[in-house]
């Protein structure tokens, strides 16, 4: 299937540039950890005010370990992550890459990646709040179906994240609304393709977590390589293209 072929090619591309990507991933780890901690501290305080400290503590008891939560925030859009996506986007477009490309991508998409991050947090909070609201109510058929609809919305939003940063870099028009719109269209136009990629990425992350220090060395490089390659191949298939071409 196409998703497996794209995933395999992405692993090969990663291997070809492994030393550069591992080095960039180490720098990314430190920068993203700093950004994530800066965001997580005020976010946890705001959530404790909105939903209460006891409920927040209860939710965290069901959530992954703090290290896993921090990893998720690190993989969310931020300037350092945009830098690494810029490098792997160039690899997906079969261009030469250097460490300076990471710095260039970080600078070029600094503010846009932060806007995408805030949009991400806002919509995620909205979806999770509605899911919690309807699941904590006394069970009725209407509330149950409403909760399922919101759960589907959350799943769609998670799948959209595979295309968010790749689209931001690929598009000539860097509008965040356009990025989100195009991400929805890509997911809905071939949901099976995106779902298989998501499952493969989750499986890869789970497997790599058994090896230790994978976040430190390679996780973002691998994820960004797969998602950039997936976007490039998907766009070429949609347009019937052979040559590279940016979307507007």
Protein backbone atom coordinates (compact mmCIF):
# COMPACT_ATOMS: atom_id res chain seq x y z
CA UNK A 1 0.00 0.00 0.00
CA UNK A 2 1.07 3.60 -0.60
CA UNK A 3 1.37 4.50 3.07
CA UNK A 4 3.75 1.60 3.72
CA UNK A 5 5.80 2.52 0.65
CA UNK A 6 6.08 6.16 1.77
CA UNK A 7 6.99 5.06 5.30
CA UNK A 8 9.73 2.75 3.99
CA UNK A 9 11.18 5.42 1.71
CA UNK A 10 11.20 7.87 4.62
CA UNK A 11 13.26 5.46 6.72
CA UNK A 12 15.74 5.11 3.85
CA UNK A 13 15.98 8.92 3.46
CA UNK A 14 16.52 9.25 7.21
CA UNK A 15 19.30 6.66 7.10
CA UNK A 16 21.03 8.50 4.24
CA UNK A 17 21.23 11.70 6.32
CA UNK A 18 21.33 10.02 9.73
CA UNK A 19 24.38 11.75 11.21
CA UNK A 20 23.11 15.22 10.35
CA UNK A 21 19.57 14.48 11.52
CA UNK A 22 20.69 12.93 14.82
CA UNK A 23 22.86 15.99 15.52
CA UNK A 24 19.98 18.34 14.72
CA UNK A 25 17.63 16.22 16.83
CA UNK A 26 19.90 16.63 19.87
CA UNK A 27 19.82 20.43 19.50
CA UNK A 28 16.05 20.27 18.93
CA UNK A 29 15.57 18.29 22.16
CA UNK A 30 17.07 21.00 24.34
CA UNK A 31 15.38 23.92 22.57
CA UNK A 32 11.95 22.24 22.46
CA UNK A 33 12.16 21.18 26.10
CA UNK A 34 12.73 24.79 27.11
CA UNK A 35 9.79 26.02 24.98
CA UNK A 36 7.53 23.23 26.25
CA UNK A 37 8.29 23.89 29.92
CA UNK A 38 7.67 27.61 29.44
CA UNK A 39 4.24 26.78 27.96
CA UNK A 40 3.32 23.90 30.28
CA UNK A 41 3.81 25.81 33.53
CA UNK A 42 1.32 28.65 32.84
CA UNK A 43 -1.00 26.23 31.00
CA UNK A 44 -1.26 23.93 34.00
CA UNK A 45 -1.94 26.94 36.24
CA UNK A 46 -4.71 28.20 33.93
CA UNK A 47 -6.28 24.74 33.73
CA UNK A 48 -6.24 24.42 37.51
CA UNK A 49 -8.18 27.69 37.73
CA UNK A 50 -10.70 26.65 35.07
CA UNK A 51 -11.42 23.04 35.97
CA UNK A 52 -10.01 22.92 39.50
CA UNK A 53 -6.78 21.51 40.87
CA UNK A 54 -8.43 18.23 41.98
CA UNK A 55 -9.88 17.47 38.53
CA UNK A 56 -6.58 18.37 36.87
CA UNK A 57 -4.75 16.00 39.21
CA UNK A 58 -7.29 13.27 38.42
CA UNK A 59 -6.80 13.75 34.68
CA UNK A 60 -3.04 13.56 35.03
CA UNK A 61 -3.43 10.25 36.87
CA UNK A 62 -4.92 8.78 33.68
CA UNK A 63 -2.48 10.55 31.39
CA UNK A 64 0.96 9.27 30.38
CA UNK A 65 3.97 9.94 32.53
CA UNK A 66 5.21 13.56 32.67
CA UNK A 67 8.08 12.67 30.34
CA UNK A 68 5.59 11.44 27.73
CA UNK A 69 3.49 14.59 28.12
CA UNK A 70 6.59 16.73 27.68
CA UNK A 71 7.51 14.73 24.56
CA UNK A 72 4.08 15.39 23.03
CA UNK A 73 4.46 19.11 23.64
CA UNK A 74 7.95 19.03 22.17
CA UNK A 75 6.60 17.42 18.99
CA UNK A 76 3.91 20.10 18.74
CA UNK A 77 4.63 23.09 16.49
CA UNK A 78 7.35 25.35 17.86
CA UNK A 79 10.33 27.16 16.28
CA UNK A 80 12.79 24.32 16.91
CA UNK A 81 10.40 21.74 15.48
CA UNK A 82 9.80 23.97 12.46
CA UNK A 83 13.57 24.06 11.94
CA UNK A 84 13.82 20.28 11.84
CA UNK A 85 10.76 20.04 9.55
CA UNK A 86 12.41 22.53 7.20
CA UNK A 87 15.46 20.25 6.93
CA UNK A 88 13.45 17.07 6.32
CA UNK A 89 11.22 18.90 3.85
CA UNK A 90 14.31 19.68 1.78
CA UNK A 91 15.30 16.01 1.97
CA UNK A 92 11.80 14.97 0.84
CA UNK A 93 12.21 17.37 -2.09
CA UNK A 94 15.59 15.73 -2.84
CA UNK A 95 17.69 18.78 -2.04
CA UNK A 96 21.03 18.96 -0.25
CA UNK A 97 20.84 19.77 3.44
CA UNK A 98 23.20 21.28 6.01
CA UNK A 99 23.00 22.17 9.69
CA UNK A 100 22.57 25.80 8.65
CA UNK A 101 19.20 24.81 7.13
CA UNK A 102 17.96 24.01 10.64
CA UNK A 103 18.87 27.51 11.83
CA UNK A 104 17.33 29.03 8.71
CA UNK A 105 14.07 27.12 9.20
CA UNK A 106 13.96 28.06 12.89
CA UNK A 107 14.30 31.75 12.05
CA UNK A 108 12.01 31.74 9.02
CA UNK A 109 9.10 30.01 10.75
CA UNK A 110 9.64 31.32 14.30
CA UNK A 111 6.43 33.34 14.61
CA UNK A 112 4.26 31.24 12.27
CA UNK A 113 5.11 28.06 14.18
CA UNK A 114 4.14 29.75 17.45
CA UNK A 115 0.82 30.83 15.92
CA UNK A 116 0.23 27.26 14.79
CA UNK A 117 1.10 26.06 18.30
CA UNK A 118 -1.40 28.42 19.95
CA UNK A 119 -4.10 27.38 17.45
CA UNK A 120 -3.24 23.78 18.27
CA UNK A 121 -3.58 24.35 22.01
CA UNK A 122 -6.82 26.31 21.64
CA UNK A 123 -8.61 23.76 19.46
CA UNK A 124 -7.28 20.82 21.48
CA UNK A 125 -8.54 22.43 24.69
CA UNK A 126 -11.95 23.02 23.09
CA UNK A 127 -12.24 19.42 21.93
CA UNK A 128 -11.07 17.92 25.22
CA UNK A 129 -13.36 20.20 27.24
CA UNK A 130 -16.40 19.10 25.25
CA UNK A 131 -15.42 15.44 25.48
CA UNK A 132 -15.02 15.71 29.26
CA UNK A 133 -18.28 17.62 29.61
CA UNK A 134 -20.39 15.07 27.74
CA UNK A 135 -18.69 11.97 29.17
CA UNK A 136 -19.05 13.17 32.77
CA UNK A 137 -22.79 13.80 32.40
CA UNK A 138 -25.37 11.12 33.37
CA UNK A 139 -25.39 8.71 30.41
CA UNK A 140 -28.19 9.19 27.89
CA UNK A 141 -28.29 8.19 24.20
CA UNK A 142 -28.07 11.83 23.02
CA UNK A 143 -25.12 12.66 25.26
CA UNK A 144 -23.39 9.42 24.30
CA UNK A 145 -23.69 10.15 20.59
CA UNK A 146 -22.59 13.75 21.14
CA UNK A 147 -19.49 12.54 22.99
CA UNK A 148 -18.72 10.17 20.10
CA UNK A 149 -18.96 13.07 17.64
CA UNK A 150 -16.48 15.10 19.70
CA UNK A 151 -14.18 12.07 19.96
CA UNK A 152 -14.26 11.77 16.18
CA UNK A 153 -13.41 15.47 15.97
CA UNK A 154 -10.40 14.90 18.24
CA UNK A 155 -9.24 11.98 16.10
CA UNK A 156 -9.57 14.13 12.96
CA UNK A 157 -7.61 16.91 14.67
CA UNK A 158 -4.83 14.48 15.63
CA UNK A 159 -4.58 13.26 12.03
CA UNK A 160 -4.43 16.86 10.80
CA UNK A 161 -1.27 17.35 12.86
CA UNK A 162 0.60 15.07 10.46
CA UNK A 163 0.25 17.75 7.78
CA UNK A 164 0.37 20.99 9.80
CA UNK A 165 4.06 21.89 9.77
CA UNK A 166 4.77 20.22 6.38
CA UNK A 167 2.02 22.38 4.83
CA UNK A 168 3.33 25.52 6.53
CA UNK A 169 6.69 24.94 4.87
CA UNK A 170 5.33 23.71 1.53
CA UNK A 171 2.81 26.47 0.92
CA UNK A 172 3.78 29.79 -0.60
CA UNK A 173 0.87 31.33 1.32
CA UNK A 174 1.76 30.88 5.01
CA UNK A 175 -1.70 31.67 6.40
CA UNK A 176 -2.45 29.49 9.45
CA UNK A 177 -6.12 29.24 8.43
CA UNK A 178 -5.05 28.01 4.99
CA UNK A 179 -2.72 25.47 6.58
CA UNK A 180 -5.57 24.11 8.72
CA UNK A 181 -7.98 24.07 5.78
CA UNK A 182 -5.56 22.17 3.56
CA UNK A 183 -4.79 19.73 6.39
CA UNK A 184 -8.52 18.94 6.69
CA UNK A 185 -8.81 18.44 2.93
CA UNK A 186 -5.80 16.11 2.84
CA UNK A 187 -7.13 13.97 5.67
CA UNK A 188 -10.68 13.79 4.31
CA UNK A 189 -9.59 13.10 0.73
CA UNK A 190 -7.88 9.86 1.77
CA UNK A 191 -8.54 9.03 5.44
CA UNK A 192 -7.19 5.47 5.14
CA UNK A 193 -3.80 6.74 3.92
CA UNK A 194 -3.51 9.16 6.85
CA UNK A 195 -4.77 6.66 9.42
CA UNK A 196 -2.25 4.03 8.35
CA UNK A 197 0.55 6.59 8.55
CA UNK A 198 -0.61 7.60 12.03
CA UNK A 199 -0.67 3.98 13.18
CA UNK A 200 2.80 3.38 11.72
CA UNK A 201 4.17 6.48 13.46
CA UNK A 202 2.62 5.46 16.78
CA UNK A 203 4.02 1.95 16.38
CA UNK A 204 7.45 3.34 15.50
CA UNK A 205 7.37 5.65 18.53
CA UNK A 206 6.32 2.81 20.82
CA UNK A 207 9.02 0.51 19.46
CA UNK A 208 11.71 3.17 19.59
CA UNK A 209 10.79 4.03 23.19
CA UNK A 210 12.00 0.55 24.15
CA UNK A 211 15.46 1.45 22.87
CA UNK A 212 15.90 4.40 25.25
CA UNK A 213 16.90 8.02 24.60
CA UNK A 214 15.00 8.01 21.29
CA UNK A 215 13.44 11.41 21.93
CA UNK A 216 16.91 12.79 22.55
CA UNK A 217 18.42 11.34 19.40
CA UNK A 218 15.91 10.76 16.62
CA UNK A 219 12.16 10.84 17.29
CA UNK A 220 11.39 14.27 15.81
CA UNK A 221 13.69 13.69 12.84
CA UNK A 222 11.92 10.43 12.04
CA UNK A 223 8.40 11.79 12.47
CA UNK A 224 9.11 14.90 10.41
CA UNK A 225 10.80 12.83 7.70
CA UNK A 226 7.76 10.56 7.38
CA UNK A 227 5.18 13.37 7.41
CA UNK A 228 7.07 15.55 4.94
CA UNK A 229 7.54 12.62 2.59
CA UNK A 230 3.87 11.70 2.98
CA UNK A 231 2.78 15.23 2.08
CA UNK A 232 5.06 15.49 -0.96
CA UNK A 233 3.94 12.13 -2.32
CA UNK A 234 0.29 12.90 -1.61
CA UNK A 235 0.43 16.22 -3.47
CA UNK A 236 2.14 14.66 -6.45
CA UNK A 237 -0.50 11.95 -6.59
CA UNK A 238 -3.39 14.42 -6.31
CA UNK A 239 -2.03 16.54 -9.16
CA UNK A 240 -0.52 13.76 -11.23
CA UNK A 241 2.80 15.59 -10.98
CA UNK A 242 6.28 14.35 -11.63
CA UNK A 243 8.06 17.63 -10.99
CA UNK A 244 8.19 19.58 -7.75
CA UNK A 245 5.68 22.33 -7.34
CA UNK A 246 4.57 24.39 -4.37
CA UNK A 247 0.93 24.67 -3.37
CA UNK A 248 -0.65 28.07 -2.85
